[in-house]
Amino acid sequence: MRVAVVGAGAMGGILGATLSEGGAGVTLLDVAPPVVDRINQHGITIERGDETRVVRVPATLEPQKVGVVDVVVFFVKCYHSVAAAEFARPLVGPDTIVATLQNGWGNGDVLAAQFPAEQILIGVTYHSGTLVGPGRVRHTNLSDAPTFVGPFLGEDVARAETVARAIRDGGFRAEARPDIRTEIWKKLVLNSCALPTSALTRSTAGRLTAVSTMRTLVDGLIHETVAVGRANGFEIDEQERLESVHATLDAAGEGKASMLQDVEAERRTEIDVINGAVVRVADQLGVDVPLNRALTALIAGYEAANGLAPA
């Protein structure tokens, strides 16, 4: 299987290395020459606990030199998705699977405006990573974490199973799911309570709920986002989400949430597809979400004050 991973950041690097170790022919694509040069010279270095490994995966700035592949996986920031889709066009043929494992809600809709909807897979992963430097990633999951993929249209999981199998071959848990939007919303529950709170307090994941008032805020955000998901027709158990989120945060230890990494790097965040998405869906369904609305406003205010808001 020939796979192109668009975006050679933390998660793109982890996924590319995993697929390569599972036997897929992987190429990483990025638009930053220093990143591509570093990966080609030294491979992808992945730190996980006390272990460090180097995986050799080719990287390029030029998708036309790669040509049509079997699978394209997008792992770029949400606000780069349209540009990344245009960049990746030489990789996509009539039988190419176009997949997104990006954070947030609505990434599949963006890709469906660029490629045939029947070729698109949407999904979510609970793996996380911190970018230490170009081509060097700290994989912050010390235990295995699930990845879910499924069809953007319909319930046929045959194509999704192809991708899930490739991920499993690399040693990660992965499932093809017909109810993939439920799984994406369940991950949104985690992201909506953990990402903006980490970014605003500069707290690592393991410390996020150490203060009782912060724990109350996290739990309140879980309650709101679960309520919106249920109103949207998704079967989500609030108690399971509470327990799962706390376990995930505790296990992540000193790992830094992606939005905290954005703040530290002084770049725009993905708040629009996280809490912003919860607010938009809540407004459509008539669900009250004051905490999500407040955090969306706070992050938007931070971006505006620091010149990071979109033009």
Protein backbone atom coordinates (compact mmCIF):
# COMPACT_ATOMS: atom_id res chain seq x y z
CA MET A 1 0.00 0.00 0.00
CA ARG A 2 1.32 3.44 -0.95
CA VAL A 3 0.40 6.06 1.65
CA ALA A 4 1.00 9.79 1.67
CA VAL A 5 0.70 11.64 4.98
CA VAL A 6 0.12 15.37 4.43
CA GLY A 7 1.60 17.27 7.36
CA ALA A 8 4.85 16.15 8.98
CA GLY A 9 4.19 17.57 12.43
CA ALA A 10 3.84 15.62 15.66
CA MET A 11 0.90 13.40 14.74
CA GLY A 12 1.79 13.17 11.07
CA GLY A 13 5.22 11.95 12.09
CA ILE A 14 3.86 9.39 14.54
CA LEU A 15 1.32 8.04 12.06
CA GLY A 16 3.79 7.99 9.18
CA ALA A 17 6.32 6.07 11.25
CA THR A 18 3.66 3.63 12.45
CA LEU A 19 2.36 2.89 8.97
CA SER A 20 5.91 2.48 7.66
CA GLU A 21 6.79 0.03 10.43
CA GLY A 22 3.67 -1.92 9.50
CA GLY A 23 4.91 -2.39 5.96
CA ALA A 24 3.20 0.42 4.05
CA GLY A 25 5.18 2.50 1.57
CA VAL A 26 4.89 5.88 3.24
CA THR A 27 5.87 9.35 2.07
CA LEU A 28 5.53 12.41 4.28
CA LEU A 29 4.61 15.68 2.62
CA ASP A 30 5.11 19.13 4.05
CA VAL A 31 5.59 22.70 2.84
CA ALA A 32 8.48 23.54 5.21
CA PRO A 33 11.89 22.81 3.65
CA PRO A 34 13.74 22.52 7.01
CA VAL A 35 11.27 19.85 8.16
CA VAL A 36 11.57 17.84 4.95
CA ASP A 37 15.37 18.15 4.89
CA ARG A 38 15.70 17.07 8.51
CA ILE A 39 13.48 14.00 8.03
CA ASN A 40 15.31 12.95 4.89
CA GLN A 41 18.68 13.32 6.57
CA HIS A 42 17.93 11.86 9.98
CA GLY A 43 14.55 10.10 9.83
CA ILE A 44 11.75 10.61 12.32
CA THR A 45 12.89 10.40 15.93
CA ILE A 46 10.14 9.32 18.32
CA GLU A 47 10.57 9.52 22.08
CA ARG A 48 8.15 7.40 24.07
CA GLY A 49 8.76 6.97 27.78
CA ASP A 50 12.36 5.88 28.26
CA GLU A 51 12.68 4.65 24.68
CA THR A 52 13.77 6.51 21.57
CA ARG A 53 13.57 5.09 18.06
CA VAL A 54 14.38 6.43 14.63
CA VAL A 55 12.19 5.50 11.66
CA ARG A 56 13.37 6.24 8.14
CA VAL A 57 10.51 7.65 6.08
CA PRO A 58 11.04 9.74 2.93
CA ALA A 59 9.67 13.26 2.91
CA THR A 60 9.08 15.71 0.10
CA LEU A 61 7.85 19.18 -0.77
CA GLU A 62 6.65 18.02 -4.19
CA PRO A 63 3.54 15.82 -4.34
CA GLN A 64 3.73 15.64 -8.14
CA LYS A 65 6.93 13.60 -7.79
CA VAL A 66 5.08 11.08 -5.62
CA GLY A 67 2.09 10.72 -7.93
CA VAL A 68 -1.18 8.94 -7.25
CA VAL A 69 -1.17 6.81 -4.09
CA ASP A 70 -3.58 4.35 -2.47
CA VAL A 71 -4.26 6.44 0.64
CA VAL A 72 -3.78 10.11 1.51
CA VAL A 73 -4.07 11.02 5.19
CA PHE A 74 -4.42 14.66 6.21
CA PHE A 75 -2.81 15.70 9.49
CA VAL A 76 -2.58 19.47 9.16
CA LYS A 77 -4.12 22.25 11.22
CA CYS A 78 -7.79 22.69 10.31
CA TYR A 79 -7.27 26.19 8.89
CA HIS A 80 -4.72 24.78 6.43
CA SER A 81 -7.04 22.03 5.13
CA VAL A 82 -8.18 23.77 1.95
CA ALA A 83 -4.63 24.72 0.98
CA ALA A 84 -3.43 21.22 1.88
CA ALA A 85 -6.11 19.64 -0.31
CA GLU A 86 -5.02 21.75 -3.27
CA PHE A 87 -1.38 20.85 -2.54
CA ALA A 88 -2.27 17.14 -2.42
CA ARG A 89 -4.24 16.93 -5.69
CA PRO A 90 -1.44 15.12 -7.58
CA LEU A 91 -1.68 12.33 -4.99
CA VAL A 92 -5.38 11.60 -5.52
CA GLY A 93 -6.75 9.40 -8.28
CA PRO A 94 -10.24 7.93 -8.78
CA ASP A 95 -9.51 5.03 -6.41
CA THR A 96 -7.49 6.89 -3.79
CA ILE A 97 -8.79 6.84 -0.23
CA VAL A 98 -8.75 10.37 1.20
CA ALA A 99 -8.71 10.26 4.99
CA THR A 100 -8.62 12.79 7.80
CA LEU A 101 -7.64 12.11 11.40
CA GLN A 102 -7.48 15.80 12.25
CA ASN A 103 -8.76 17.21 15.52
CA GLY A 104 -12.18 18.76 15.65
CA TRP A 105 -15.56 18.66 13.97
CA GLY A 106 -16.19 19.25 10.27
CA ASN A 107 -12.91 18.23 8.65
CA GLY A 108 -14.66 15.73 6.40
CA ASP A 109 -16.96 18.44 5.08
CA VAL A 110 -13.96 20.52 4.06
CA LEU A 111 -12.40 17.61 2.16
CA ALA A 112 -15.74 16.69 0.57
CA ALA A 113 -15.77 20.12 -1.05
CA GLN A 114 -12.43 19.29 -2.66
CA PHE A 115 -12.64 15.56 -3.50
CA PRO A 116 -15.43 13.06 -4.31
CA ALA A 117 -17.29 12.42 -1.05
CA GLU A 118 -17.44 8.66 -1.64
CA GLN A 119 -13.61 8.51 -1.48
CA ILE A 120 -13.42 10.20 1.91
CA LEU A 121 -12.87 8.57 5.30
CA ILE A 122 -13.17 10.50 8.53
CA GLY A 123 -11.76 9.44 11.83
CA VAL A 124 -10.15 10.22 15.13
CA THR A 125 -7.16 9.06 17.13
CA TYR A 126 -6.46 9.23 20.84
CA HIS A 127 -2.72 9.21 20.32
CA SER A 128 -1.00 12.48 21.10
CA GLY A 129 2.41 13.94 20.57
CA THR A 130 4.53 16.97 21.29
CA LEU A 131 6.78 18.31 18.56
CA VAL A 132 10.25 18.68 20.07
CA GLY A 133 11.78 19.91 16.81
CA PRO A 134 11.65 19.21 13.07
CA GLY A 135 11.38 15.45 12.66
CA ARG A 136 11.53 14.84 16.42
CA VAL A 137 8.37 13.96 18.37
CA ARG A 138 7.61 13.05 21.97
CA HIS A 139 4.83 10.44 21.82
CA THR A 140 3.00 11.19 25.05
CA ASN A 141 0.82 8.05 25.17
CA LEU A 142 2.60 5.49 27.33
CA SER A 143 -0.24 2.99 26.89
CA ASP A 144 -2.02 2.06 23.70
CA ALA A 145 -4.85 4.27 22.52
CA PRO A 146 -7.58 3.66 19.96
CA THR A 147 -7.94 5.07 16.47
CA PHE A 148 -11.32 4.96 14.70
CA VAL A 149 -12.04 5.44 10.99
CA GLY A 150 -15.23 5.26 9.00
CA PRO A 151 -16.95 6.42 5.82
CA PHE A 152 -17.92 10.03 5.25
CA LEU A 153 -20.93 8.72 3.30
CA GLY A 154 -22.99 5.64 4.14
CA GLU A 155 -22.05 2.77 6.41
CA ASP A 156 -19.84 0.56 4.22
CA VAL A 157 -16.60 0.14 6.19
CA ALA A 158 -14.60 -1.81 3.59
CA ARG A 159 -12.30 1.10 2.73
CA ALA A 160 -12.07 2.11 6.36
CA GLU A 161 -11.02 -1.42 7.28
CA THR A 162 -8.16 -1.18 4.76
CA VAL A 163 -6.79 1.85 6.60
CA ALA A 164 -7.49 0.41 10.04
CA ARG A 165 -5.63 -2.78 9.12
CA ALA A 166 -2.60 -0.79 7.96
CA ILE A 167 -2.54 1.04 11.29
CA ARG A 168 -2.89 -2.22 13.22
CA ASP A 169 -0.01 -3.70 11.22
CA GLY A 170 2.11 -0.91 12.68
CA GLY A 171 1.18 -1.93 16.21
CA PHE A 172 -1.62 0.49 17.10
CA ARG A 173 -5.22 -0.32 17.94
CA ALA A 174 -7.55 0.72 15.13
CA GLU A 175 -11.17 -0.01 14.25
CA ALA A 176 -13.39 0.68 11.26
CA ARG A 177 -16.72 2.04 12.48
CA PRO A 178 -19.95 2.79 10.60
CA ASP A 179 -20.98 5.18 13.41
CA ILE A 180 -17.81 7.21 13.03
CA ARG A 181 -19.44 10.60 13.71
CA THR A 182 -20.38 9.40 17.20
CA GLU A 183 -16.74 8.50 17.83
CA ILE A 184 -15.55 11.87 16.54
CA TRP A 185 -17.99 13.69 18.82
CA LYS A 186 -16.83 11.58 21.77
CA LYS A 187 -13.27 12.76 21.09
CA LEU A 188 -14.62 16.30 20.78
CA VAL A 189 -15.86 15.93 24.36
CA LEU A 190 -12.25 15.38 25.43
CA ASN A 191 -10.84 18.16 23.28
CA SER A 192 -13.43 20.76 24.22
CA CYS A 193 -12.67 20.40 27.92
CA ALA A 194 -8.90 19.84 27.74
CA LEU A 195 -7.50 21.96 24.91
CA PRO A 196 -8.63 25.52 25.72
CA THR A 197 -8.25 25.03 29.47
CA SER A 198 -4.68 23.79 28.99
CA ALA A 199 -3.92 26.66 26.62
CA LEU A 200 -5.27 29.36 28.94
CA THR A 201 -3.67 28.00 32.13
CA ARG A 202 -0.46 26.68 30.51
CA SER A 203 -1.13 23.38 32.29
CA THR A 204 0.13 20.05 31.05
CA ALA A 205 -2.52 17.35 30.70
CA GLY A 206 -1.70 15.53 33.92
CA ARG A 207 -1.94 18.72 35.97
CA LEU A 208 -5.10 20.02 34.39
CA THR A 209 -7.51 18.62 36.98
CA ALA A 210 -5.21 18.82 40.01
CA VAL A 211 -7.03 21.97 41.18
CA SER A 212 -10.62 21.29 42.25
CA THR A 213 -12.03 24.40 40.56
CA MET A 214 -10.41 23.40 37.27
CA ARG A 215 -11.76 19.88 37.63
CA THR A 216 -15.24 21.36 38.06
CA LEU A 217 -14.78 23.42 34.90
CA VAL A 218 -13.55 20.39 32.93
CA ASP A 219 -16.53 18.34 34.10
CA GLY A 220 -18.94 21.16 33.24
CA LEU A 221 -17.57 21.29 29.70
CA ILE A 222 -17.96 17.52 29.41
CA HIS A 223 -21.58 17.80 30.50
CA GLU A 224 -22.33 20.52 27.92
CA THR A 225 -20.62 18.80 24.99
CA VAL A 226 -22.24 15.44 25.76
CA ALA A 227 -25.63 17.16 25.89
CA VAL A 228 -25.10 18.68 22.44
CA GLY A 229 -23.99 15.33 21.04
CA ARG A 230 -27.06 13.60 22.43
CA ALA A 231 -29.31 16.32 21.01
CA ASN A 232 -27.64 15.64 17.67
CA GLY A 233 -28.62 11.98 17.87
CA PHE A 234 -25.36 10.44 19.07
CA GLU A 235 -25.50 7.75 21.75
CA ILE A 236 -22.98 8.99 24.32
CA ASP A 237 -22.75 7.90 27.96
CA GLU A 238 -21.82 10.93 30.07
CA GLN A 239 -20.41 8.89 32.95
CA GLU A 240 -18.21 6.92 30.55
CA ARG A 241 -16.93 10.17 29.04
CA LEU A 242 -16.18 11.60 32.48
CA GLU A 243 -14.19 8.53 33.48
CA SER A 244 -12.46 8.27 30.11
CA VAL A 245 -11.43 11.92 30.00
CA HIS A 246 -9.99 11.86 33.51
CA ALA A 247 -8.11 8.64 32.79
CA THR A 248 -6.74 10.09 29.53
CA LEU A 249 -5.57 13.29 31.21
CA ASP A 250 -3.97 11.41 34.09
CA ALA A 251 -2.17 9.04 31.72
CA ALA A 252 -0.88 11.90 29.56
CA GLY A 253 1.25 13.21 32.43
CA GLU A 254 3.54 16.01 31.24
CA GLY A 255 2.22 15.85 27.68
CA LYS A 256 1.18 19.19 26.24
CA ALA A 257 -2.18 19.56 24.53
CA SER A 258 -2.02 20.70 20.92
CA MET A 259 -3.66 24.04 21.74
CA LEU A 260 -1.10 24.70 24.47
CA GLN A 261 1.63 23.96 21.93
CA ASP A 262 -0.04 26.47 19.61
CA VAL A 263 -0.08 29.14 22.31
CA GLU A 264 3.55 28.53 23.22
CA ALA A 265 4.52 28.74 19.54
CA GLU A 266 2.47 31.96 19.16
CA ARG A 267 0.35 30.56 16.34
CA ARG A 268 -3.36 30.43 15.66
CA THR A 269 -5.32 27.71 17.46
CA GLU A 270 -8.00 25.31 16.24
CA ILE A 271 -10.67 26.68 18.58
CA ASP A 272 -13.09 27.11 15.66
CA VAL A 273 -13.43 23.34 15.12
CA ILE A 274 -13.33 22.48 18.84
CA ASN A 275 -15.42 24.60 21.23
CA GLY A 276 -16.51 26.83 18.37
CA ALA A 277 -18.02 23.80 16.65
CA VAL A 278 -19.82 22.79 19.85
CA VAL A 279 -21.33 26.29 20.05
CA ARG A 280 -22.46 26.26 16.41
CA VAL A 281 -24.17 22.88 16.70
CA ALA A 282 -25.66 23.84 20.07
CA ASP A 283 -27.16 26.99 18.55
CA GLN A 284 -28.71 24.93 15.74
CA LEU A 285 -30.26 22.53 18.27
CA GLY A 286 -31.23 25.02 20.97
CA VAL A 287 -28.86 23.68 23.65
CA ASP A 288 -27.37 26.09 26.21
CA VAL A 289 -23.55 25.90 26.34
CA PRO A 290 -22.27 28.90 28.35
CA LEU A 291 -18.91 27.31 29.24
CA ASN A 292 -18.07 26.36 25.66
CA ARG A 293 -19.18 29.81 24.54
CA ALA A 294 -16.97 31.50 27.15
CA LEU A 295 -13.86 29.49 26.27
CA THR A 296 -14.40 30.10 22.56
CA ALA A 297 -14.54 33.83 23.29
CA LEU A 298 -11.46 33.73 25.55
CA ILE A 299 -9.31 31.94 23.00
CA ALA A 300 -10.60 34.21 20.21
CA GLY A 301 -9.74 37.18 22.40
CA TYR A 302 -6.25 35.83 23.03
CA GLU A 303 -5.71 35.38 19.28
CA ALA A 304 -6.97 38.87 18.47
CA ALA A 305 -4.83 40.47 21.17
CA ASN A 306 -1.74 38.71 19.87
CA GLY A 307 -2.32 39.32 16.17
CA LEU A 308 -3.15 35.68 15.46
CA ALA A 309 -6.76 36.07 14.32
CA PRO A 310 -7.45 35.22 10.67
CA ALA A 311 -7.48 38.13 8.26
